[in-house]
Every structure is written in C-alpha cells, then in structure tokens.
C-alpha cells in the first residue's frame, strides 16, 4: 500500500513517515502543496495524508484541485486547525476524514484503513476471497482459520491483490504498491515475494497470468 504524506513540519513528517513504514506502508513525503499535486498526477496512491498549512499551495487548494481533476484517492486531512468551520470546509471540500493534531498514530492508522475500506466498497474490515483472508489491522493472513504472519513486503503485495480480486496486476503495478521514493527496487523482488507467499498460503493463493501479471481469484 502506498501513501502520500503531505506535511511541511519536518519533525512531524519524520515521525509519521517512520510509523507508516513500520505499519508496512510505502511512503512518499511531499513537503509543499505544489509537490503534492504533482505527485498525485503522476503516481497512484491508496491514501493521501494532507496537512492544510502548506507552503506554495494551501492544503485546501490542494484538496479542491485533486477533486476537480477527478481523482478519487482517499484523503485524510491531518491538521491543527480545530474550528468546526474548518472541519466542515474540509469534509465538504472532498476530504474523507479530518484528524486533529496531535493524534495517536494507532488512531490515524485505523482511520486510514476505514476510508480505504469504504472507498473499496468493503463493509468488513477483513479482506477475503473465500480462499485467503487478510486483516489489515493485524497484517495477518489466514487459511482455513489458521493465522499466518507476513513480512511487510508480503503484506503490502498481498493487500494490493486482495483489494482488487480478479484484477491482474503487472510487476510494475505491484512494485508501485510496495516501494516508495528513494527505495531501491530489487531485481525480481515481486517474484521472490510471491514465491514466499505461496509457500505460506499455498500454490493456489496467487495465480500467475503468463506475460501479464498476478491475481487472486474473486470471492467464490
């Protein structure tokens, strides 16, 4: 899962970035509004964490531009602006949630999971296709009721497939979900992670469509 963090405060940004990476997210960190807009135009994100008091372009303007351009990416505003009018403006402007600073990372992560679940049309917090189940809160997979621990990369790749069951994702698309800026993409990393997942989950858990990519089956 790939997140765009839009935050100009270095201390806050570093803390959130570390926490997100610890939670198995690939993180791109934009430090101003113009950089945020350019990033959203060129990269697919699972969620955007958007501060409002940004240099070069205010966070509200970023939000309005994103929605005016037709981008449906979930946006969680993270800000110290606590006036009711500001919260209403943010939500009516297209934000999916509004979180006040200071916040607990555990709550922010839960809110991120909730907005991504809603955007994906998922009512249950656990993703399943009838073969494999994946709990984003615990980052555990399960087969026949048996919990299986996953590495950060394994979880990110499996989550990318599980939120789009039946869709074939190419190597590039999967790399985009598990690597952020300035992270070296290791040779054959996707194949290695899928090999590891199949050892844990079974050979039928992830299907290869030769020459195209990989997929998990739809709910049966």
Protein backbone atom coordinates (compact mmCIF):
# COMPACT_ATOMS: atom_id res chain seq x y z
CA UNK A 1 0.00 0.00 0.00
CA UNK A 2 1.38 3.39 -0.97
CA UNK A 3 0.72 6.60 0.94
CA UNK A 4 1.39 10.21 0.05
CA UNK A 5 2.25 12.17 3.20
CA UNK A 6 1.87 15.92 2.67
CA UNK A 7 3.45 17.70 5.63
CA UNK A 8 5.85 20.64 5.85
CA UNK A 9 6.82 20.20 9.51
CA UNK A 10 10.00 18.10 9.47
CA UNK A 11 9.62 16.68 12.98
CA UNK A 12 6.01 15.61 12.48
CA UNK A 13 6.75 14.32 8.99
CA UNK A 14 9.65 12.18 10.14
CA UNK A 15 7.63 10.66 12.99
CA UNK A 16 4.66 9.86 10.76
CA UNK A 17 6.86 8.51 7.99
CA UNK A 18 8.61 6.09 10.36
CA UNK A 19 5.30 4.95 11.86
CA UNK A 20 3.79 4.36 8.42
CA UNK A 21 6.78 2.34 7.27
CA UNK A 22 6.60 0.31 10.48
CA UNK A 23 2.97 -0.40 9.56
CA UNK A 24 4.07 -1.78 6.15
CA UNK A 25 3.17 1.25 4.03
CA UNK A 26 5.34 2.57 1.22
CA UNK A 27 5.57 6.31 1.87
CA UNK A 28 6.22 9.30 -0.37
CA UNK A 29 6.66 12.56 1.56
CA UNK A 30 5.75 15.85 -0.15
CA UNK A 31 6.68 18.98 1.78
CA UNK A 32 4.57 21.57 -0.09
CA UNK A 33 1.28 21.81 -1.93
CA UNK A 34 2.70 22.01 -5.43
CA UNK A 35 4.79 18.90 -4.87
CA UNK A 36 1.70 17.12 -3.56
CA UNK A 37 -0.33 17.91 -6.68
CA UNK A 38 2.50 16.86 -8.99
CA UNK A 39 2.83 13.57 -7.10
CA UNK A 40 -0.88 12.77 -7.31
CA UNK A 41 -0.85 13.47 -11.06
CA UNK A 42 1.96 11.01 -11.68
CA UNK A 43 1.51 8.26 -9.06
CA UNK A 44 -1.35 6.06 -7.89
CA UNK A 45 -1.85 6.21 -4.10
CA UNK A 46 -4.03 4.22 -1.75
CA UNK A 47 -4.48 7.21 0.56
CA UNK A 48 -3.24 10.80 0.96
CA UNK A 49 -2.50 12.33 4.37
CA UNK A 50 -2.89 16.07 3.86
CA UNK A 51 -1.80 18.89 6.14
CA UNK A 52 -3.54 22.21 5.49
CA UNK A 53 -0.93 24.84 6.36
CA UNK A 54 1.43 24.20 3.45
CA UNK A 55 3.91 26.41 1.59
CA UNK A 56 3.45 27.22 -2.13
CA UNK A 57 -0.18 25.98 -2.16
CA UNK A 58 -2.57 25.73 0.78
CA UNK A 59 -3.89 22.30 1.70
CA UNK A 60 -7.49 23.31 0.98
CA UNK A 61 -6.46 24.35 -2.53
CA UNK A 62 -4.67 21.03 -2.98
CA UNK A 63 -7.81 19.16 -1.93
CA UNK A 64 -10.06 21.15 -4.26
CA UNK A 65 -7.66 20.70 -7.18
CA UNK A 66 -7.45 16.95 -6.57
CA UNK A 67 -11.22 16.55 -6.58
CA UNK A 68 -11.72 18.94 -9.51
CA UNK A 69 -9.30 16.80 -11.52
CA UNK A 70 -11.47 13.76 -10.81
CA UNK A 71 -9.04 11.89 -8.54
CA UNK A 72 -10.94 9.58 -6.19
CA UNK A 73 -7.97 8.78 -3.93
CA UNK A 74 -9.00 8.79 -0.24
CA UNK A 75 -7.79 11.95 1.52
CA UNK A 76 -7.38 12.22 5.28
CA UNK A 77 -6.75 15.76 6.46
CA UNK A 78 -4.27 15.98 9.36
CA UNK A 79 -4.16 19.46 10.86
CA UNK A 80 -4.13 21.59 13.99
CA UNK A 81 -7.00 23.71 12.64
CA UNK A 82 -9.72 22.64 15.03
CA UNK A 83 -12.52 25.14 14.34
CA UNK A 84 -15.82 23.50 13.40
CA UNK A 85 -16.00 25.68 10.29
CA UNK A 86 -12.61 24.40 9.14
CA UNK A 87 -13.66 20.79 9.61
CA UNK A 88 -16.88 21.35 7.69
CA UNK A 89 -14.97 23.09 4.91
CA UNK A 90 -12.53 20.20 4.64
CA UNK A 91 -15.17 17.48 4.57
CA UNK A 92 -17.41 19.38 2.17
CA UNK A 93 -14.36 20.05 0.02
CA UNK A 94 -13.85 16.36 -0.57
CA UNK A 95 -11.86 15.02 2.40
CA UNK A 96 -12.79 11.55 3.57
CA UNK A 97 -11.80 12.22 7.17
CA UNK A 98 -10.41 15.02 9.32
CA UNK A 99 -7.91 14.25 12.08
CA UNK A 100 -6.70 16.88 14.54
CA UNK A 101 -3.10 17.23 15.68
CA UNK A 102 -1.73 15.98 17.95
CA UNK A 103 -3.02 12.49 17.21
CA UNK A 104 -2.16 8.94 18.16
CA UNK A 105 -0.69 7.00 15.24
CA UNK A 106 -2.82 3.98 16.13
CA UNK A 107 -5.96 6.08 15.59
CA UNK A 108 -4.65 7.58 12.35
CA UNK A 109 -3.84 4.12 11.01
CA UNK A 110 -7.34 2.90 11.93
CA UNK A 111 -8.92 5.90 10.17
CA UNK A 112 -6.78 5.22 7.09
CA UNK A 113 -7.96 1.63 7.00
CA UNK A 114 -11.57 2.78 7.38
CA UNK A 115 -11.50 5.28 4.50
CA UNK A 116 -9.73 2.80 2.21
CA UNK A 117 -12.28 0.15 3.14
CA UNK A 118 -15.19 2.48 2.36
CA UNK A 119 -13.70 3.53 -0.96
CA UNK A 120 -13.19 -0.11 -1.87
CA UNK A 121 -16.83 -0.92 -1.08
CA UNK A 122 -15.82 -3.21 1.78
CA UNK A 123 -18.08 -3.44 4.82
CA UNK A 124 -15.95 -5.95 6.69
CA UNK A 125 -12.51 -4.94 7.96
CA UNK A 126 -11.15 -8.31 6.81
CA UNK A 127 -10.50 -8.88 3.10
CA UNK A 128 -11.35 -12.35 1.83
CA UNK A 129 -11.97 -14.16 -1.42
CA UNK A 130 -13.12 -17.39 0.20
CA UNK A 131 -9.63 -18.88 -0.02
CA UNK A 132 -7.40 -16.38 1.74
CA UNK A 133 -8.38 -13.82 4.38
CA UNK A 134 -6.29 -10.74 5.17
CA UNK A 135 -6.71 -8.50 8.19
CA UNK A 136 -5.14 -5.05 7.55
CA UNK A 137 -5.31 -4.22 11.27
CA UNK A 138 -3.09 -7.13 12.34
CA UNK A 139 -1.37 -7.62 8.96
CA UNK A 140 -2.09 -11.34 9.26
CA UNK A 141 -3.38 -13.68 6.59
CA UNK A 142 -5.35 -16.81 7.32
CA UNK A 143 -6.18 -20.06 5.55
CA UNK A 144 -8.86 -22.36 6.98
CA UNK A 145 -8.78 -20.38 10.23
CA UNK A 146 -5.02 -20.68 10.69
CA UNK A 147 -3.29 -17.29 11.16
CA UNK A 148 -0.12 -16.70 9.15
CA UNK A 149 2.34 -13.93 9.90
CA UNK A 150 3.55 -11.92 6.93
CA UNK A 151 6.57 -9.71 6.36
CA UNK A 152 5.97 -6.06 5.48
CA UNK A 153 6.58 -6.64 1.79
CA UNK A 154 4.45 -9.79 1.75
CA UNK A 155 1.57 -7.96 3.38
CA UNK A 156 1.80 -4.97 1.02
CA UNK A 157 1.83 -7.15 -2.09
CA UNK A 158 -0.97 -9.43 -0.92
CA UNK A 159 -3.08 -6.43 0.12
CA UNK A 160 -2.67 -4.89 -3.34
CA UNK A 161 -4.05 -8.09 -4.87
CA UNK A 162 -6.78 -8.67 -2.27
CA UNK A 163 -8.38 -5.24 -2.66
CA UNK A 164 -8.83 -5.97 -6.38
CA UNK A 165 -9.71 -9.68 -6.59
CA UNK A 166 -9.93 -10.87 -10.15
CA UNK A 167 -7.78 -8.00 -11.46
CA UNK A 168 -4.39 -8.81 -12.96
CA UNK A 169 -1.60 -6.58 -11.64
CA UNK A 170 1.67 -6.29 -13.51
CA UNK A 171 5.11 -6.32 -11.96
CA UNK A 172 5.30 -2.52 -12.28
CA UNK A 173 1.93 -2.05 -10.61
CA UNK A 174 2.94 -4.29 -7.72
CA UNK A 175 6.31 -2.56 -7.35
CA UNK A 176 4.47 0.76 -7.13
CA UNK A 177 2.43 -0.58 -4.22
CA UNK A 178 5.41 -1.76 -2.15
CA UNK A 179 8.17 0.75 -2.88
CA UNK A 180 8.22 4.49 -2.12
CA UNK A 181 10.53 7.25 -3.34
CA UNK A 182 14.24 6.64 -2.86
CA UNK A 183 13.70 2.94 -2.18
CA UNK A 184 15.68 0.71 -4.47
CA UNK A 185 13.55 -1.77 -6.36
CA UNK A 186 15.36 -5.06 -6.00
CA UNK A 187 15.71 -7.30 -9.02
CA UNK A 188 12.99 -9.98 -9.18
CA UNK A 189 11.61 -8.73 -5.85
CA UNK A 190 7.99 -9.30 -6.86
CA UNK A 191 8.66 -12.88 -7.94
CA UNK A 192 10.54 -13.59 -4.72
CA UNK A 193 7.74 -12.17 -2.53
CA UNK A 194 5.08 -14.13 -4.43
CA UNK A 195 7.17 -17.31 -4.09
CA UNK A 196 7.37 -16.69 -0.33
CA UNK A 197 3.61 -16.04 -0.09
CA UNK A 198 2.80 -19.22 -1.98
CA UNK A 199 4.96 -21.21 0.41
CA UNK A 200 2.95 -19.81 3.31
CA UNK A 201 -0.52 -19.73 1.74
CA UNK A 202 -0.45 -22.49 -0.85
CA UNK A 203 0.28 -22.52 -4.56
CA UNK A 204 -3.33 -21.67 -5.49
CA UNK A 205 -3.48 -18.48 -3.41
CA UNK A 206 -1.91 -16.29 -6.11
CA UNK A 207 -2.29 -17.05 -9.80
CA UNK A 208 0.20 -16.10 -12.48
CA UNK A 209 -1.13 -14.98 -15.85
CA UNK A 210 1.90 -15.58 -18.02
CA UNK A 211 3.30 -12.46 -19.62
CA UNK A 212 0.75 -10.22 -17.89
CA UNK A 213 1.00 -10.39 -14.10
CA UNK A 214 -0.59 -11.89 -10.99
CA UNK A 215 -4.03 -12.05 -9.40
CA UNK A 216 -6.11 -13.57 -6.65
CA UNK A 217 -9.44 -15.15 -7.53
CA UNK A 218 -12.72 -13.40 -6.84
CA UNK A 219 -14.99 -14.39 -3.94
CA UNK A 220 -16.44 -17.80 -4.51
